[in-house]
N, C-alpha and C. Protein backbone atom coordinates (compact mmCIF):
# COMPACT_ATOMS: atom_id res chain seq x y z
N MET A 1 129.57 -2.41 -150.45
CA MET A 1 130.42 -2.77 -151.57
C MET A 1 131.74 -3.34 -151.08
N ASP A 2 132.23 -2.92 -149.92
CA ASP A 2 133.54 -3.40 -149.44
C ASP A 2 133.57 -4.91 -149.27
N GLU A 3 132.50 -5.46 -148.70
CA GLU A 3 132.46 -6.90 -148.50
C GLU A 3 132.38 -7.64 -149.84
N ALA A 4 131.60 -7.11 -150.75
CA ALA A 4 131.48 -7.74 -152.08
C ALA A 4 132.80 -7.66 -152.83
N LEU A 5 133.49 -6.53 -152.73
CA LEU A 5 134.80 -6.39 -153.36
C LEU A 5 135.78 -7.39 -152.77
N GLY A 6 135.71 -7.57 -151.46
CA GLY A 6 136.55 -8.56 -150.80
C GLY A 6 136.29 -9.95 -151.34
N SER A 7 135.04 -10.27 -151.61
CA SER A 7 134.69 -11.58 -152.17
C SER A 7 135.25 -11.75 -153.58
N VAL A 8 135.17 -10.69 -154.37
CA VAL A 8 135.73 -10.74 -155.73
C VAL A 8 137.25 -10.93 -155.65
N LEU A 9 137.90 -10.22 -154.74
CA LEU A 9 139.35 -10.36 -154.58
C LEU A 9 139.73 -11.76 -154.11
N ASP A 10 138.94 -12.33 -153.20
CA ASP A 10 139.19 -13.71 -152.75
C ASP A 10 139.03 -14.69 -153.91
N ALA A 11 137.99 -14.51 -154.70
CA ALA A 11 137.77 -15.38 -155.85
C ALA A 11 138.89 -15.23 -156.86
N GLU A 12 139.36 -14.01 -157.04
CA GLU A 12 140.45 -13.76 -157.98
C GLU A 12 141.73 -14.48 -157.54
N GLU A 13 141.93 -14.54 -156.24
CA GLU A 13 143.11 -15.23 -155.72
C GLU A 13 143.02 -16.73 -155.99
N LEU A 14 141.82 -17.30 -155.89
CA LEU A 14 141.63 -18.73 -156.09
C LEU A 14 141.57 -19.11 -157.57
N ALA A 15 140.93 -18.29 -158.37
CA ALA A 15 140.73 -18.62 -159.80
C ALA A 15 140.77 -17.35 -160.63
N PRO A 16 141.96 -16.78 -160.84
CA PRO A 16 142.05 -15.48 -161.55
C PRO A 16 141.46 -15.50 -162.96
N GLU A 17 141.63 -16.60 -163.67
CA GLU A 17 141.10 -16.67 -165.05
C GLU A 17 139.58 -16.62 -165.05
N GLN A 18 138.98 -17.32 -164.09
CA GLN A 18 137.52 -17.35 -164.00
C GLN A 18 136.98 -15.96 -163.72
N VAL A 19 137.60 -15.24 -162.81
CA VAL A 19 137.14 -13.89 -162.48
C VAL A 19 137.38 -12.95 -163.65
N ARG A 20 138.52 -13.08 -164.29
CA ARG A 20 138.86 -12.16 -165.37
C ARG A 20 137.92 -12.26 -166.56
N TYR A 21 137.45 -13.47 -166.87
CA TYR A 21 136.67 -13.65 -168.08
C TYR A 21 135.18 -13.87 -167.85
N HIS A 22 134.75 -14.02 -166.61
CA HIS A 22 133.33 -14.24 -166.34
C HIS A 22 132.59 -12.91 -166.30
N PHE A 23 131.40 -12.89 -166.86
CA PHE A 23 130.68 -11.62 -167.00
C PHE A 23 130.20 -11.02 -165.68
N ILE A 24 129.90 -11.85 -164.68
CA ILE A 24 129.36 -11.30 -163.44
C ILE A 24 130.38 -10.45 -162.69
N PRO A 25 131.59 -10.96 -162.40
CA PRO A 25 132.55 -10.07 -161.71
C PRO A 25 132.92 -8.85 -162.55
N ARG A 26 133.00 -9.03 -163.86
CA ARG A 26 133.32 -7.89 -164.73
C ARG A 26 132.22 -6.83 -164.65
N ARG A 27 130.97 -7.27 -164.66
CA ARG A 27 129.85 -6.33 -164.60
C ARG A 27 129.81 -5.64 -163.23
N LEU A 28 130.06 -6.40 -162.16
CA LEU A 28 130.07 -5.81 -160.82
C LEU A 28 131.14 -4.73 -160.71
N VAL A 29 132.36 -5.07 -161.11
CA VAL A 29 133.46 -4.11 -160.99
C VAL A 29 133.21 -2.89 -161.86
N THR A 30 132.68 -3.10 -163.05
CA THR A 30 132.37 -1.98 -163.93
C THR A 30 131.35 -1.04 -163.27
N SER A 31 130.31 -1.61 -162.68
CA SER A 31 129.30 -0.75 -162.05
C SER A 31 129.87 -0.04 -160.83
N TRP A 32 130.72 -0.71 -160.05
CA TRP A 32 131.33 -0.06 -158.89
C TRP A 32 132.21 1.12 -159.31
N VAL A 33 132.98 0.92 -160.38
CA VAL A 33 133.85 2.00 -160.86
C VAL A 33 133.00 3.18 -161.33
N ARG A 34 131.92 2.91 -162.03
CA ARG A 34 131.05 3.99 -162.53
C ARG A 34 130.34 4.74 -161.42
N GLN A 35 130.07 4.06 -160.30
CA GLN A 35 129.36 4.69 -159.19
C GLN A 35 130.27 5.58 -158.34
N GLN A 36 131.57 5.45 -158.48
CA GLN A 36 132.50 6.19 -157.66
C GLN A 36 132.46 7.68 -158.01
N ARG A 37 132.54 8.47 -156.98
CA ARG A 37 132.70 9.91 -157.18
C ARG A 37 134.18 10.19 -156.93
N GLY A 38 134.85 10.65 -157.94
CA GLY A 38 136.29 10.83 -157.83
C GLY A 38 137.01 9.52 -158.13
N LYS A 39 138.20 9.40 -157.59
CA LYS A 39 139.02 8.22 -157.85
C LYS A 39 138.49 7.01 -157.09
N PRO A 40 138.50 5.84 -157.73
CA PRO A 40 138.13 4.62 -157.02
C PRO A 40 139.21 4.27 -155.98
N SER A 41 138.84 3.46 -155.01
CA SER A 41 139.81 3.03 -154.00
C SER A 41 140.95 2.26 -154.67
N TYR A 42 142.03 2.16 -153.94
CA TYR A 42 143.21 1.45 -154.45
C TYR A 42 142.85 0.01 -154.83
N LEU A 43 142.10 -0.68 -153.98
CA LEU A 43 141.73 -2.08 -154.26
C LEU A 43 140.83 -2.19 -155.48
N LEU A 44 139.83 -1.31 -155.57
CA LEU A 44 138.92 -1.33 -156.70
C LEU A 44 139.65 -0.98 -157.99
N ALA A 45 140.50 0.01 -157.94
CA ALA A 45 141.26 0.40 -159.14
C ALA A 45 142.17 -0.75 -159.58
N GLY A 46 142.75 -1.45 -158.63
CA GLY A 46 143.64 -2.56 -158.96
C GLY A 46 142.91 -3.70 -159.65
N VAL A 47 141.79 -4.11 -159.09
CA VAL A 47 141.05 -5.21 -159.72
C VAL A 47 140.48 -4.77 -161.07
N ALA A 48 140.03 -3.54 -161.18
CA ALA A 48 139.53 -3.04 -162.46
C ALA A 48 140.62 -3.05 -163.52
N GLN A 49 141.82 -2.69 -163.11
CA GLN A 49 142.93 -2.70 -164.07
C GLN A 49 143.27 -4.13 -164.48
N ARG A 50 143.29 -5.05 -163.53
CA ARG A 50 143.59 -6.44 -163.87
C ARG A 50 142.53 -7.05 -164.77
N LEU A 51 141.29 -6.60 -164.62
CA LEU A 51 140.21 -7.08 -165.48
C LEU A 51 140.15 -6.30 -166.79
N GLN A 52 141.05 -5.35 -166.94
CA GLN A 52 141.15 -4.49 -168.11
C GLN A 52 139.86 -3.70 -168.35
N ILE A 53 139.27 -3.25 -167.24
CA ILE A 53 138.08 -2.42 -167.30
C ILE A 53 138.47 -0.97 -167.41
N VAL A 54 139.56 -0.61 -166.76
CA VAL A 54 140.07 0.77 -166.82
C VAL A 54 141.54 0.71 -167.22
N ALA A 55 141.95 1.69 -167.96
CA ALA A 55 143.35 1.73 -168.40
C ALA A 55 144.25 2.27 -167.32
């Protein structure tokens, strides 16, 4: 997941609107957050918050 998260973060840097509103990155981040036991990592929590997946 770390490499995939890195790819999402790279894409977000290049085209934040595309990542924020496209269903694939949103679905990926949502599933990663749900799979976490305990708190998500700082990077995952940050991107999830920017995508408004978690409050």
